[in-house]
N, C-alpha and C. Protein backbone atom coordinates (compact mmCIF):
# COMPACT_ATOMS: atom_id res chain seq x y z
N MET A 1 74.30 46.29 -32.21
CA MET A 1 72.96 46.35 -31.50
C MET A 1 72.19 45.14 -32.43
N ASN A 2 71.35 44.49 -31.80
CA ASN A 2 70.59 43.20 -32.82
C ASN A 2 69.78 44.24 -33.77
N SER A 3 69.62 43.57 -35.03
CA SER A 3 68.96 44.13 -36.17
C SER A 3 67.50 44.10 -35.61
N LEU A 4 66.93 43.36 -35.01
CA LEU A 4 65.62 43.40 -34.57
C LEU A 4 65.34 44.54 -33.65
N ILE A 5 66.21 44.91 -32.86
CA ILE A 5 66.07 46.28 -32.04
C ILE A 5 66.12 47.25 -33.04
N ILE A 6 67.08 47.56 -33.83
CA ILE A 6 67.38 48.54 -34.72
C ILE A 6 66.07 48.70 -35.43
N SER A 7 65.58 47.55 -35.89
CA SER A 7 64.19 47.75 -36.71
C SER A 7 63.15 48.24 -35.67
N GLU A 8 63.05 48.05 -34.66
CA GLU A 8 62.01 48.35 -33.72
C GLU A 8 62.23 50.03 -33.35
N ILE A 9 63.42 50.42 -33.16
CA ILE A 9 63.90 51.86 -33.23
C ILE A 9 63.61 52.59 -34.32
N ASP A 10 63.74 52.11 -35.42
CA ASP A 10 63.59 52.81 -36.72
C ASP A 10 62.04 53.02 -36.80
N ARG A 11 61.23 51.92 -36.87
CA ARG A 11 59.98 52.17 -36.68
C ARG A 11 59.56 53.22 -35.86
N VAL A 12 59.74 53.45 -34.68
CA VAL A 12 59.35 54.51 -33.63
C VAL A 12 59.74 55.80 -33.86
N GLN A 13 61.17 55.90 -34.84
CA GLN A 13 61.54 57.14 -35.27
C GLN A 13 60.67 57.45 -36.34
N LYS A 14 60.22 56.57 -37.28
CA LYS A 14 59.22 56.80 -38.61
C LYS A 14 57.98 57.47 -38.02
N ARG A 15 57.37 56.87 -37.03
CA ARG A 15 56.18 57.35 -36.41
C ARG A 15 56.22 58.70 -35.89
N MET A 16 57.06 59.15 -34.98
CA MET A 16 57.58 60.06 -34.52
C MET A 16 57.79 61.34 -35.48
N SER A 17 58.66 61.02 -36.40
CA SER A 17 58.75 62.09 -37.76
C SER A 17 57.65 62.38 -38.31
N GLY A 18 56.68 61.32 -38.43
CA GLY A 18 55.56 61.82 -39.12
C GLY A 18 54.48 62.76 -38.50
N TYR A 19 54.70 62.81 -36.95
CA TYR A 19 54.16 63.71 -36.38
C TYR A 19 54.76 65.18 -36.43
N ILE A 20 56.08 65.01 -36.50
CA ILE A 20 56.94 66.42 -36.74
C ILE A 20 56.42 67.10 -38.13
N ALA A 21 56.46 66.29 -39.24
CA ALA A 21 55.97 66.82 -40.54
C ALA A 21 54.80 67.01 -40.55
N LEU A 22 53.93 66.61 -39.65
CA LEU A 22 52.43 67.20 -39.53
C LEU A 22 52.40 68.34 -39.05
N LEU A 23 53.19 68.62 -37.91
CA LEU A 23 53.20 70.12 -37.21
C LEU A 23 53.69 70.97 -38.27
N SER A 24 54.81 70.70 -38.95
CA SER A 24 55.41 71.62 -39.87
C SER A 24 54.32 72.00 -40.99
N PHE A 25 53.52 70.97 -41.33
CA PHE A 25 52.47 71.46 -42.41
C PHE A 25 51.52 72.35 -41.43
N ARG A 26 51.20 71.88 -40.69
CA ARG A 26 50.00 72.76 -40.00
C ARG A 26 50.65 74.28 -39.57
N TYR A 27 52.11 74.27 -39.22
CA TYR A 27 52.51 75.70 -39.18
C TYR A 27 52.34 76.41 -40.34
N MET A 28 52.65 76.03 -41.58
CA MET A 28 52.82 76.48 -42.89
C MET A 28 51.45 77.08 -43.10
N ASN A 29 50.41 76.31 -42.62
CA ASN A 29 49.01 76.93 -42.94
C ASN A 29 48.23 77.91 -42.05
N LEU A 30 48.99 78.35 -41.19
CA LEU A 30 48.85 79.32 -40.11
C LEU A 30 49.53 80.50 -40.65
N CYS A 31 49.19 81.13 -41.95
CA CYS A 31 50.09 81.99 -42.66
C CYS A 31 50.34 83.19 -42.08
N VAL A 32 51.38 83.59 -42.09
CA VAL A 32 51.91 85.05 -41.95
C VAL A 32 52.69 85.49 -43.02
N LYS A 33 53.56 84.79 -43.39
CA LYS A 33 54.30 84.98 -44.79
C LYS A 33 53.71 84.10 -46.01
N ALA A 34 53.72 84.54 -47.00
CA ALA A 34 53.37 83.51 -48.30
C ALA A 34 54.08 82.67 -48.57
N ASP A 35 54.15 81.42 -47.89
CA ASP A 35 54.52 79.98 -48.23
C ASP A 35 53.96 79.17 -49.35
N ILE A 36 54.63 78.77 -50.39
CA ILE A 36 53.97 78.15 -51.36
C ILE A 36 53.52 76.88 -50.78
N ALA A 37 53.95 76.37 -49.91
CA ALA A 37 53.55 75.01 -49.05
C ALA A 37 52.02 74.96 -48.53
N SER A 38 51.67 76.53 -48.18
CA SER A 38 50.39 76.76 -47.74
C SER A 38 49.27 76.39 -48.76
N LEU A 39 49.48 76.23 -49.91
CA LEU A 39 48.63 76.04 -51.01
C LEU A 39 48.43 74.57 -51.42
N LEU A 40 49.24 73.81 -50.71
CA LEU A 40 49.04 72.13 -50.74
C LEU A 40 47.80 71.65 -50.47
N PRO A 41 47.00 72.33 -49.46
CA PRO A 41 45.47 71.78 -49.29
C PRO A 41 44.57 72.06 -50.27
N VAL A 42 44.91 73.07 -51.10
CA VAL A 42 43.93 73.55 -52.00
C VAL A 42 43.60 72.35 -52.95
N THR A 43 42.29 72.24 -53.09
CA THR A 43 41.53 71.32 -54.11
C THR A 43 40.73 72.22 -55.05
N VAL A 44 40.87 71.80 -56.10
CA VAL A 44 40.06 72.64 -57.18
C VAL A 44 39.25 71.36 -57.78
N TYR A 45 37.72 71.94 -57.96
CA TYR A 45 37.01 71.24 -58.72
C TYR A 45 36.57 71.54 -59.99
N VAL A 46 36.79 70.55 -60.86
CA VAL A 46 36.26 71.05 -62.15
C VAL A 46 35.41 69.92 -62.92
N ASP A 47 34.34 70.21 -63.33
CA ASP A 47 33.39 69.09 -63.71
C ASP A 47 33.42 67.84 -62.96
N GLY A 48 33.28 68.13 -61.81
CA GLY A 48 32.84 66.93 -60.77
C GLY A 48 34.23 66.24 -60.70
N GLN A 49 35.35 66.77 -61.06
CA GLN A 49 36.63 65.99 -60.99
C GLN A 49 37.64 66.96 -60.13
N GLU A 50 38.39 66.60 -59.08
CA GLU A 50 39.26 67.41 -58.35
C GLU A 50 40.74 67.15 -58.63
N GLY A 51 41.36 68.14 -58.45
CA GLY A 51 42.63 68.08 -58.62
C GLY A 51 43.66 69.13 -57.72
N ASN A 52 44.98 68.96 -57.87
CA ASN A 52 45.69 70.10 -57.09
C ASN A 52 45.83 71.53 -57.64
N ILE A 53 46.25 72.39 -57.16
CA ILE A 53 46.31 73.82 -57.73
C ILE A 53 47.07 73.89 -58.72
N GLU A 54 48.37 72.88 -58.65
CA GLU A 54 49.46 73.03 -59.66
C GLU A 54 49.30 72.53 -61.10
N GLU A 55 47.99 71.94 -61.12
CA GLU A 55 47.45 71.12 -62.26
C GLU A 55 46.43 72.43 -63.04
N PHE A 56 46.16 73.40 -62.58
CA PHE A 56 45.36 74.17 -63.05
C PHE A 56 45.76 75.88 -63.23
N ALA A 57 47.06 75.90 -62.29
CA ALA A 57 47.39 77.19 -62.30
C ALA A 57 49.13 77.30 -62.08
N ASN A 58 49.52 78.35 -62.28
CA ASN A 58 50.99 78.79 -62.12
C ASN A 58 51.19 79.55 -60.80
N VAL A 59 51.82 79.40 -59.98
CA VAL A 59 51.80 80.66 -58.74
C VAL A 59 53.28 80.98 -58.52
N SER A 60 53.47 82.19 -58.36
CA SER A 60 54.58 82.99 -58.25
C SER A 60 54.36 83.59 -56.82
N ARG A 61 55.77 84.29 -56.34
CA ARG A 61 55.68 84.95 -55.10
C ARG A 61 56.25 86.24 -55.17
N PRO A 62 55.34 87.39 -55.68
CA PRO A 62 56.22 88.45 -55.89
C PRO A 62 56.62 89.46 -54.92
N SER A 63 56.03 89.03 -53.74
CA SER A 63 56.57 89.34 -52.42
C SER A 63 56.60 88.50 -51.22
N GLU A 64 57.36 88.42 -50.09
CA GLU A 64 57.15 87.46 -49.10
C GLU A 64 55.66 87.46 -48.54
N PHE A 65 55.02 88.49 -48.65
CA PHE A 65 53.47 88.43 -48.08
C PHE A 65 52.48 88.14 -49.25
N GLN A 66 52.99 87.81 -50.28
CA GLN A 66 51.95 87.80 -51.52
C GLN A 66 52.16 86.58 -52.59
N PHE A 67 50.87 86.02 -53.16
CA PHE A 67 51.08 84.94 -54.22
C PHE A 67 50.36 85.68 -55.18
N ALA A 68 50.87 85.28 -56.57
CA ALA A 68 50.07 85.62 -57.63
C ALA A 68 49.88 84.27 -58.34
N VAL A 69 48.47 84.03 -58.73
CA VAL A 69 47.97 82.87 -59.13
C VAL A 69 47.24 82.90 -60.52
N TYR A 70 48.40 82.52 -61.56
CA TYR A 70 47.78 82.59 -63.12
C TYR A 70 47.12 81.32 -63.58
N PRO A 71 45.94 81.36 -63.89
CA PRO A 71 45.28 80.32 -64.43
C PRO A 71 46.03 79.61 -65.68
N LYS A 72 45.89 78.26 -65.74
CA LYS A 72 46.47 77.90 -67.18
C LYS A 72 45.21 77.92 -68.34
N ASP A 73 44.18 77.99 -67.72
CA ASP A 73 43.09 78.06 -68.62
C ASP A 73 42.03 79.14 -67.87
N PRO A 74 41.93 80.41 -68.58
CA PRO A 74 41.37 81.41 -67.90
C PRO A 74 39.74 80.98 -67.40
N GLN A 75 39.23 80.13 -68.24
CA GLN A 75 37.70 79.68 -67.79
C GLN A 75 37.60 79.07 -66.52
N LEU A 76 38.80 78.41 -66.07
CA LEU A 76 38.74 77.94 -64.64
C LEU A 76 39.11 78.92 -63.63
N LEU A 77 39.29 80.09 -63.81
CA LEU A 77 39.86 80.96 -63.14
C LEU A 77 38.92 80.98 -61.93
N GLN A 78 37.45 81.09 -61.74
CA GLN A 78 36.41 80.91 -60.80
C GLN A 78 36.65 79.61 -59.78
N ASP A 79 36.92 78.58 -60.47
CA ASP A 79 37.05 77.22 -59.96
C ASP A 79 38.33 77.38 -58.87
N ILE A 80 39.47 77.98 -59.65
CA ILE A 80 40.86 78.23 -58.75
C ILE A 80 40.38 79.08 -57.40
N ILE A 81 39.68 80.03 -57.78
CA ILE A 81 39.34 80.89 -56.83
C ILE A 81 38.53 80.35 -55.80
N GLN A 82 37.63 79.70 -56.17
CA GLN A 82 36.67 79.04 -54.94
C GLN A 82 37.69 77.94 -54.26
N GLY A 83 38.64 77.18 -54.84
CA GLY A 83 39.32 76.19 -54.03
C GLY A 83 40.35 76.89 -52.99
N ILE A 84 41.01 78.03 -53.55
CA ILE A 84 41.70 78.58 -52.38
C ILE A 84 40.98 79.31 -51.39
N TYR A 85 39.61 79.74 -51.92
CA TYR A 85 38.81 80.25 -50.53
C TYR A 85 38.76 79.44 -49.71
N GLU A 86 38.01 78.03 -49.88
CA GLU A 86 37.82 77.00 -49.29
C GLU A 86 38.87 76.94 -48.29
N ALA A 87 40.24 76.77 -48.65
CA ALA A 87 41.26 76.30 -47.87
C ALA A 87 42.12 77.39 -47.14
N HIS A 88 41.75 78.76 -47.75
CA HIS A 88 42.37 79.85 -46.93
C HIS A 88 41.41 81.10 -46.92
N PRO A 89 40.52 81.12 -46.39
CA PRO A 89 39.25 82.25 -46.38
C PRO A 89 39.89 83.85 -45.85
N GLU A 90 41.16 83.56 -45.14
CA GLU A 90 41.63 84.79 -44.60
C GLU A 90 42.76 85.42 -45.56
N PHE A 91 42.88 84.79 -46.82
CA PHE A 91 43.85 85.53 -47.79
C PHE A 91 42.93 86.78 -48.29
N LYS A 92 43.67 87.85 -48.55
CA LYS A 92 42.87 88.73 -49.42
C LYS A 92 43.32 88.73 -50.63
N MET A 93 41.99 88.97 -51.32
CA MET A 93 42.18 88.69 -52.91
C MET A 93 42.18 90.10 -53.54
N GLU A 94 42.65 89.96 -54.66
CA GLU A 94 42.48 90.96 -55.61
C GLU A 94 42.66 90.67 -57.16
N MET A 95 41.77 90.87 -58.03
CA MET A 95 41.99 90.52 -59.26
C MET A 95 42.90 91.61 -59.94
N LYS A 96 43.46 90.80 -60.93
CA LYS A 96 44.61 91.99 -61.63
C LYS A 96 44.60 91.25 -63.31
N ARG A 97 45.24 92.21 -64.02
CA ARG A 97 45.34 92.13 -65.45
C ARG A 97 46.59 92.26 -65.90
N GLU A 98 47.36 91.86 -66.60
CA GLU A 98 48.42 92.27 -67.53
C GLU A 98 48.55 93.44 -67.75
N ASP A 99 49.44 94.24 -67.94
CA ASP A 99 49.72 95.69 -68.30
C ASP A 99 49.12 95.55 -69.59
N ASP A 100 49.53 94.90 -70.27
CA ASP A 100 49.15 94.75 -71.90
C ASP A 100 47.85 94.18 -72.24
N GLY A 101 47.17 93.67 -71.27
CA GLY A 101 46.11 93.21 -71.50
C GLY A 101 44.79 93.48 -71.06
N ASP A 102 43.83 93.34 -71.81
CA ASP A 102 42.15 93.88 -71.39
C ASP A 102 41.24 92.74 -71.34
N ASP A 103 41.61 91.36 -71.84
CA ASP A 103 40.77 90.32 -72.16
C ASP A 103 40.80 89.37 -70.93
N GLU A 104 39.69 88.42 -70.78
CA GLU A 104 39.79 87.35 -69.79
C GLU A 104 41.23 86.73 -69.57
N ALA A 105 41.69 86.49 -70.79
CA ALA A 105 42.93 85.76 -70.61
C ALA A 105 44.04 86.28 -69.85
N SER A 106 43.93 87.68 -69.79
CA SER A 106 45.23 88.17 -69.06
C SER A 106 44.75 88.38 -67.67
N GLN A 107 43.90 87.80 -67.00
CA GLN A 107 43.53 87.98 -65.68
C GLN A 107 44.29 86.89 -64.81
N HIS A 108 44.46 87.43 -63.57
CA HIS A 108 45.35 86.75 -62.72
C HIS A 108 44.77 87.15 -61.51
N VAL A 109 45.07 86.42 -60.18
CA VAL A 109 44.73 86.74 -58.81
C VAL A 109 45.93 87.18 -57.99
N LEU A 110 45.78 88.02 -57.19
CA LEU A 110 46.88 88.50 -56.38
C LEU A 110 46.18 88.15 -54.90
N TYR A 111 47.01 87.39 -54.16
CA TYR A 111 46.51 87.22 -52.72
C TYR A 111 47.48 87.83 -51.77
N THR A 112 47.17 88.46 -50.90
CA THR A 112 48.02 89.03 -49.83
C THR A 112 47.61 88.55 -48.35
N MET A 113 48.86 87.93 -47.47
CA MET A 113 48.44 87.52 -46.28
C MET A 113 47.73 88.65 -45.46
N PRO A 114 46.99 88.36 -44.62
CA PRO A 114 46.48 89.30 -43.63
C PRO A 114 47.35 89.95 -42.65
N GLU A 115 47.08 91.23 -42.44
CA GLU A 115 48.08 91.85 -41.22
C GLU A 115 47.92 91.15 -39.96
N VAL A 116 49.12 91.16 -39.30
CA VAL A 116 48.96 90.55 -37.91
C VAL A 116 48.92 91.67 -37.15
N ASP A 117 47.30 91.94 -36.86
CA ASP A 117 47.05 93.00 -35.91
C ASP A 117 46.98 92.25 -34.41
N LYS A 118 46.66 92.87 -33.45
CA LYS A 118 46.61 92.33 -31.83
C LYS A 118 45.48 90.95 -31.77
N ASN A 119 44.62 91.23 -32.54
CA ASN A 119 43.45 89.88 -32.66
C ASN A 119 44.32 88.81 -33.32
N ARG A 120 44.67 89.03 -34.46
CA ARG A 120 45.45 87.79 -35.20
C ARG A 120 46.62 87.34 -34.49
N HIS A 121 47.64 88.33 -33.85
CA HIS A 121 48.73 87.99 -33.39
C HIS A 121 48.29 86.91 -32.22
N ASP A 122 47.38 87.35 -31.51
CA ASP A 122 46.77 86.56 -30.16
C ASP A 122 46.20 85.04 -30.67
N PHE A 123 45.57 85.30 -31.59
CA PHE A 123 45.21 83.80 -32.18
C PHE A 123 45.97 83.15 -32.77
N LEU A 124 46.93 83.54 -33.43
CA LEU A 124 48.10 82.62 -33.96
C LEU A 124 48.91 82.09 -32.85
N MET A 125 49.29 82.90 -31.99
CA MET A 125 50.03 82.49 -30.69
C MET A 125 49.47 81.42 -30.05
N ASP A 126 48.01 81.63 -30.04
CA ASP A 126 47.22 80.30 -29.07
C ASP A 126 47.31 79.06 -29.99
N ALA A 127 47.20 79.36 -31.33
CA ALA A 127 47.25 78.06 -32.23
C ALA A 127 48.68 77.44 -32.32
N VAL A 128 49.50 78.00 -32.33
CA VAL A 128 50.74 77.43 -32.43
C VAL A 128 51.23 76.61 -31.49
N LYS A 129 50.71 77.19 -29.99
CA LYS A 129 51.04 76.74 -28.80
C LYS A 129 50.08 75.33 -28.51
N ALA A 130 48.89 75.46 -29.11
CA ALA A 130 47.85 74.52 -28.97
C ALA A 130 48.51 73.06 -29.86
N LEU A 131 48.96 73.59 -30.98
CA LEU A 131 49.44 72.24 -32.02
C LEU A 131 50.57 71.94 -31.49
N TYR A 132 51.47 72.62 -31.22
CA TYR A 132 52.82 71.95 -30.42
C TYR A 132 52.42 71.04 -29.20
N GLU A 133 51.43 71.41 -28.25
CA GLU A 133 51.28 70.77 -27.30
C GLU A 133 50.54 69.27 -27.60
N GLU A 134 49.72 69.23 -28.81
CA GLU A 134 49.38 68.39 -29.23
C GLU A 134 50.29 67.26 -29.75
N CYS A 135 51.34 67.77 -30.57
CA CYS A 135 52.39 66.95 -31.19
C CYS A 135 53.16 66.36 -29.94
N LYS A 136 53.52 67.18 -29.31
CA LYS A 136 54.29 66.85 -27.91
C LYS A 136 53.75 65.60 -27.20
N ALA A 137 52.19 65.79 -27.06
CA ALA A 137 51.49 64.45 -26.37
C ALA A 137 51.73 63.11 -27.05
N ARG A 138 51.57 63.52 -28.54
CA ARG A 138 51.79 62.43 -29.48
C ARG A 138 52.98 61.68 -29.55
N LEU A 139 54.20 62.32 -29.27
CA LEU A 139 55.42 62.01 -29.38
C LEU A 139 55.63 61.15 -28.01
N ASP A 140 55.06 61.77 -27.12
CA ASP A 140 55.09 61.07 -25.29
C ASP A 140 54.45 59.81 -25.50
N LYS A 141 53.33 59.59 -26.10
CA LYS A 141 52.18 58.59 -26.01
C LYS A 141 53.14 57.35 -26.98
N ILE A 142 53.87 57.92 -28.20
CA ILE A 142 54.69 56.78 -28.84
C ILE A 142 55.58 56.36 -28.37
N TYR A 143 56.34 57.25 -27.35
CA TYR A 143 57.59 56.87 -26.59
C TYR A 143 57.34 55.88 -25.44
N VAL A 144 56.13 56.10 -24.65
CA VAL A 144 55.55 55.31 -23.88
C VAL A 144 55.13 53.97 -24.29
N ASP A 145 54.31 53.98 -25.18
CA ASP A 145 53.90 52.67 -25.81
C ASP A 145 54.74 51.93 -26.48
N ASN A 146 55.83 52.39 -26.91
CA ASN A 146 56.69 51.41 -27.66
C ASN A 146 58.10 51.11 -26.63
N LYS A 147 58.06 51.77 -25.68
CA LYS A 147 59.30 51.45 -24.63
C LYS A 147 58.95 50.10 -24.00
N ALA A 148 57.82 49.90 -23.80
CA ALA A 148 57.60 48.88 -23.17
C ALA A 148 57.61 47.53 -24.07
N GLY A 149 57.16 47.64 -25.34
CA GLY A 149 57.37 46.77 -26.52
C GLY A 149 58.87 46.53 -26.74
N LEU A 150 59.78 47.57 -26.77
CA LEU A 150 61.01 47.44 -26.97
C LEU A 150 61.75 46.51 -25.99
N ILE A 151 61.32 46.77 -24.60
CA ILE A 151 62.08 46.13 -23.45
C ILE A 151 61.87 44.69 -23.74
N GLN A 152 60.53 44.41 -24.12
CA GLN A 152 60.17 42.87 -24.39
C GLN A 152 61.04 42.45 -25.26
N VAL A 153 61.39 43.04 -26.57
CA VAL A 153 62.18 42.48 -27.44
C VAL A 153 63.48 42.17 -27.12
N ILE A 154 64.14 43.21 -26.27
CA ILE A 154 65.66 43.34 -25.77
C ILE A 154 65.63 42.01 -24.78
N ALA A 155 64.49 41.92 -24.09
CA ALA A 155 64.61 40.51 -23.14
C ALA A 155 64.83 39.19 -24.04
N GLU A 156 64.15 39.28 -25.15
CA GLU A 156 64.12 38.11 -25.83
C GLU A 156 65.46 37.66 -26.58
N VAL A 157 65.85 38.88 -27.29
CA VAL A 157 67.08 38.63 -28.34
C VAL A 157 68.17 39.25 -27.96
N SER A 158 68.26 40.35 -26.87
CA SER A 158 69.75 40.49 -26.62
C SER A 158 69.70 41.32 -25.25
N PRO A 159 69.52 40.61 -24.31
CA PRO A 159 69.66 41.44 -22.81
C PRO A 159 70.79 42.15 -22.38
N GLN A 160 71.67 41.61 -22.75
CA GLN A 160 72.97 42.24 -22.48
C GLN A 160 73.07 43.87 -23.24
N GLY A 161 72.16 44.01 -24.26
CA GLY A 161 72.11 45.29 -25.19
C GLY A 161 71.19 46.39 -24.57
N ALA A 162 70.68 46.00 -23.21
CA ALA A 162 69.51 46.95 -22.84
C ALA A 162 69.71 48.33 -22.83
N ASP A 163 70.93 48.67 -22.01
CA ASP A 163 71.05 49.94 -21.83
C ASP A 163 71.55 50.84 -23.25
N GLU A 164 71.98 50.19 -24.14
CA GLU A 164 72.33 51.00 -25.31
C GLU A 164 70.97 51.12 -26.26
N ALA A 165 69.95 50.16 -26.25
CA ALA A 165 68.82 49.99 -27.00
C ALA A 165 68.07 51.24 -26.40
N LEU A 166 67.92 51.28 -25.05
CA LEU A 166 66.93 52.33 -24.40
C LEU A 166 67.73 53.99 -24.70
N LYS A 167 69.04 53.67 -24.63
CA LYS A 167 69.59 55.01 -25.15
C LYS A 167 69.31 55.47 -26.20
N ALA A 168 69.31 54.35 -27.21
CA ALA A 168 69.13 54.84 -28.55
C ALA A 168 67.63 55.40 -28.67
N LEU A 169 66.55 54.82 -28.07
CA LEU A 169 65.18 55.38 -28.20
C LEU A 169 65.00 56.61 -27.59
N ASP A 170 65.68 56.90 -26.30
CA ASP A 170 65.62 58.19 -25.74
C ASP A 170 66.06 59.26 -26.78
N GLY A 171 67.49 58.93 -27.28
CA GLY A 171 67.75 59.67 -28.20
C GLY A 171 67.03 59.91 -29.33
N VAL A 172 66.15 59.23 -29.91
CA VAL A 172 65.17 59.49 -30.87
C VAL A 172 64.06 60.38 -30.26
N SER A 173 63.63 60.09 -29.17
CA SER A 173 62.44 61.03 -28.70
C SER A 173 62.78 62.27 -28.19
N ASP A 174 64.08 62.59 -27.89
CA ASP A 174 64.54 63.78 -27.26
C ASP A 174 64.84 64.66 -28.78
N ASN A 175 65.57 64.02 -29.93
CA ASN A 175 65.68 64.55 -30.98
C ASN A 175 64.43 65.28 -31.49
N CYS A 176 63.33 64.52 -31.56
CA CYS A 176 61.88 64.85 -32.22
C CYS A 176 61.37 65.93 -31.26
N HIS A 177 61.51 65.75 -30.04
CA HIS A 177 60.96 66.88 -29.16
C HIS A 177 61.76 68.33 -29.34
N ASP A 178 63.04 68.16 -29.61
CA ASP A 178 63.85 69.47 -29.91
C ASP A 178 63.29 69.80 -31.04
N MET A 179 63.06 69.12 -32.28
CA MET A 179 62.52 69.63 -33.27
C MET A 179 61.36 70.24 -33.54
N ALA A 180 60.40 69.68 -32.32
CA ALA A 180 59.14 70.25 -32.50
C ALA A 180 59.14 71.52 -31.66
N ARG A 181 60.07 71.72 -30.91
CA ARG A 181 60.25 72.91 -29.96
C ARG A 181 60.84 73.98 -30.51
N ASP A 182 61.99 73.65 -31.66
CA ASP A 182 62.42 74.71 -32.35
C ASP A 182 61.65 75.31 -33.37
N MET A 183 60.63 74.36 -33.96
CA MET A 183 59.70 74.87 -34.71
C MET A 183 58.79 75.70 -34.03
N LEU A 184 58.21 75.41 -32.95
CA LEU A 184 57.34 76.48 -32.27
C LEU A 184 57.96 77.64 -31.91
N ILE A 185 59.46 77.82 -31.61
CA ILE A 185 60.17 79.11 -31.33
C ILE A 185 60.26 79.95 -32.63
N GLN A 186 60.39 79.26 -33.62
CA GLN A 186 60.57 79.84 -35.06
C GLN A 186 59.26 80.59 -35.62
N LYS A 187 58.44 79.92 -35.10
CA LYS A 187 57.03 80.23 -35.81
C LYS A 187 56.44 81.52 -34.71
N GLN A 188 56.60 81.40 -33.48
CA GLN A 188 56.48 82.39 -32.65
C GLN A 188 57.17 83.64 -32.93
N ASP A 189 58.37 83.52 -33.48
CA ASP A 189 59.32 84.68 -33.70
C ASP A 189 58.74 85.38 -34.93
N GLU A 190 58.30 84.36 -36.06
CA GLU A 190 57.70 84.95 -37.26
C GLU A 190 56.57 85.81 -36.83
N ILE A 191 55.50 85.12 -36.08
CA ILE A 191 54.56 85.99 -35.68
C ILE A 191 54.67 87.25 -34.92
N GLU A 192 55.65 87.47 -34.19
CA GLU A 192 55.83 88.29 -33.17
C GLU A 192 56.50 89.55 -34.21
N GLU A 193 57.46 89.07 -35.26
CA GLU A 193 58.24 89.91 -35.96
C GLU A 193 56.87 90.67 -36.82
N ALA A 194 56.03 89.75 -37.46
CA ALA A 194 55.04 90.37 -38.14
C ALA A 194 53.94 91.31 -37.38
N TYR A 195 53.79 91.12 -36.19
CA TYR A 195 53.30 91.97 -35.08
C TYR A 195 53.76 93.44 -35.19
N GLN A 196 54.86 93.22 -34.80
CA GLN A 196 56.00 94.42 -34.51
C GLN A 196 55.92 95.18 -35.71
N ASN A 197 55.99 94.76 -37.13
CA ASN A 197 55.93 95.30 -38.15
C ASN A 197 54.30 96.07 -38.23
N TYR A 198 53.47 95.34 -38.03
CA TYR A 198 52.35 96.09 -38.24
C TYR A 198 52.07 97.09 -36.93
N LEU A 199 52.75 97.13 -35.93
CA LEU A 199 52.45 98.35 -34.91
C LEU A 199 53.14 99.37 -35.64
N THR A 200 54.45 98.89 -36.09
CA THR A 200 55.36 100.23 -36.60
C THR A 200 54.66 101.00 -37.83
N MET A 201 54.05 100.06 -38.69
CA MET A 201 53.12 100.49 -40.03
C MET A 201 52.10 101.51 -39.18
N MET A 202 51.38 101.17 -38.08
CA MET A 202 50.18 101.81 -37.55
C MET A 202 50.75 103.36 -37.28
N GLU A 203 52.06 103.17 -36.53
CA GLU A 203 52.39 104.28 -35.99
C GLU A 203 52.89 105.49 -36.90
N GLU A 204 53.55 104.83 -38.01
CA GLU A 204 53.93 105.80 -39.12
C GLU A 204 52.65 106.65 -39.66
N LYS A 205 51.63 105.43 -39.89
CA LYS A 205 50.36 106.27 -40.47
C LYS A 205 49.71 106.97 -39.35
N ARG A 206 49.75 106.97 -38.15
CA ARG A 206 49.44 107.77 -37.12
C ARG A 206 50.19 109.06 -37.20
N GLN A 207 51.48 109.09 -37.17
CA GLN A 207 52.34 110.18 -37.22
C GLN A 207 51.93 111.17 -38.68
N GLU A 208 51.90 110.20 -39.64
CA GLU A 208 51.54 111.14 -40.80
C GLU A 208 50.05 111.84 -40.62
N GLY A 209 48.98 111.17 -40.34
CA GLY A 209 47.78 111.72 -40.01
C GLY A 209 47.92 112.99 -39.16
N ALA A 210 48.84 112.85 -37.99
CA ALA A 210 48.87 113.98 -37.05
C ALA A 210 49.77 115.26 -37.81
N GLU A 211 50.70 114.93 -38.69
CA GLU A 211 51.29 115.80 -39.55
C GLU A 211 50.53 116.62 -40.47
N ILE A 212 49.88 116.09 -41.01
CA ILE A 212 48.90 116.70 -42.04
C ILE A 212 47.75 117.38 -41.46
N ASP A 213 47.10 116.93 -40.19
CA ASP A 213 46.39 117.70 -39.21
C ASP A 213 46.92 118.91 -38.75
N TYR A 214 48.17 118.99 -38.28
CA TYR A 214 48.72 120.11 -38.24
C TYR A 214 48.95 121.05 -39.14
N LYS A 215 49.52 120.69 -40.15
CA LYS A 215 49.47 121.60 -41.37
C LYS A 215 47.91 122.34 -41.66
N LYS A 216 47.23 121.37 -41.81
CA LYS A 216 46.03 121.99 -41.97
C LYS A 216 45.39 123.17 -40.85
N GLY A 217 45.83 122.77 -39.71
CA GLY A 217 45.54 123.82 -38.71
C GLY A 217 46.40 124.94 -38.83
N PHE A 218 47.72 124.92 -39.09
CA PHE A 218 48.51 126.05 -39.34
C PHE A 218 48.16 126.92 -40.51
N ARG A 219 47.50 126.35 -41.61
CA ARG A 219 47.06 126.91 -42.71
C ARG A 219 45.85 127.93 -42.44
N LEU A 220 44.80 127.26 -41.39
CA LEU A 220 44.01 127.90 -40.93
C LEU A 220 44.15 129.13 -39.96
N PHE A 221 45.33 129.21 -39.40
CA PHE A 221 45.83 130.12 -38.34
C PHE A 221 46.12 131.13 -39.47
N GLU A 222 46.92 130.97 -40.43
CA GLU A 222 47.65 132.00 -41.02
C GLU A 222 46.54 132.73 -41.65
N SER A 223 45.18 132.16 -41.91
CA SER A 223 44.17 132.77 -42.86
C SER A 223 43.56 133.55 -41.93
């Protein structure tokens, strides 16, 4: 295949891959589990200057649904909290102290992902589908816009290689579409799993409550 044609196809692949990366980033920020990458959009402002959270805090993941954020400078804790809130207001925040500490320097923040109840389940499902459809439309536009240009390049430099070049372009497009669809399915499965876990937890709580009520009623009957 002619080097100019290969260059054109590589350019298309890079553009499409950019939208795949954007879709992945957006899915990470529709938080179901505690994904460290979801903190990448967090900007911390200190004395009029901005920086990423890793400049001001250390982050750990005590469970798959929680972040623990430890400020490198305790006096910047409120600035860090504000930055995280602006990026992810849905996170549930809890102030913590080290077991052996009672001063400001021992403080850190525990963030828990919100429960996936019916409302959040529906919101997330709608959001991931809308983002997928947007990505799919952009991939289609790149394909259509660049196919015409590729055909022109082929006509000028290598007419005999037209079938091979167009097949390569189709392969790039199909691969990117497959990646986007796989990401959609994976995110939908993650949301559905979290929702089913929520329903199981609520049913267990309901049964525990019913058992407590039954025991109370039994004791009243005995008396």
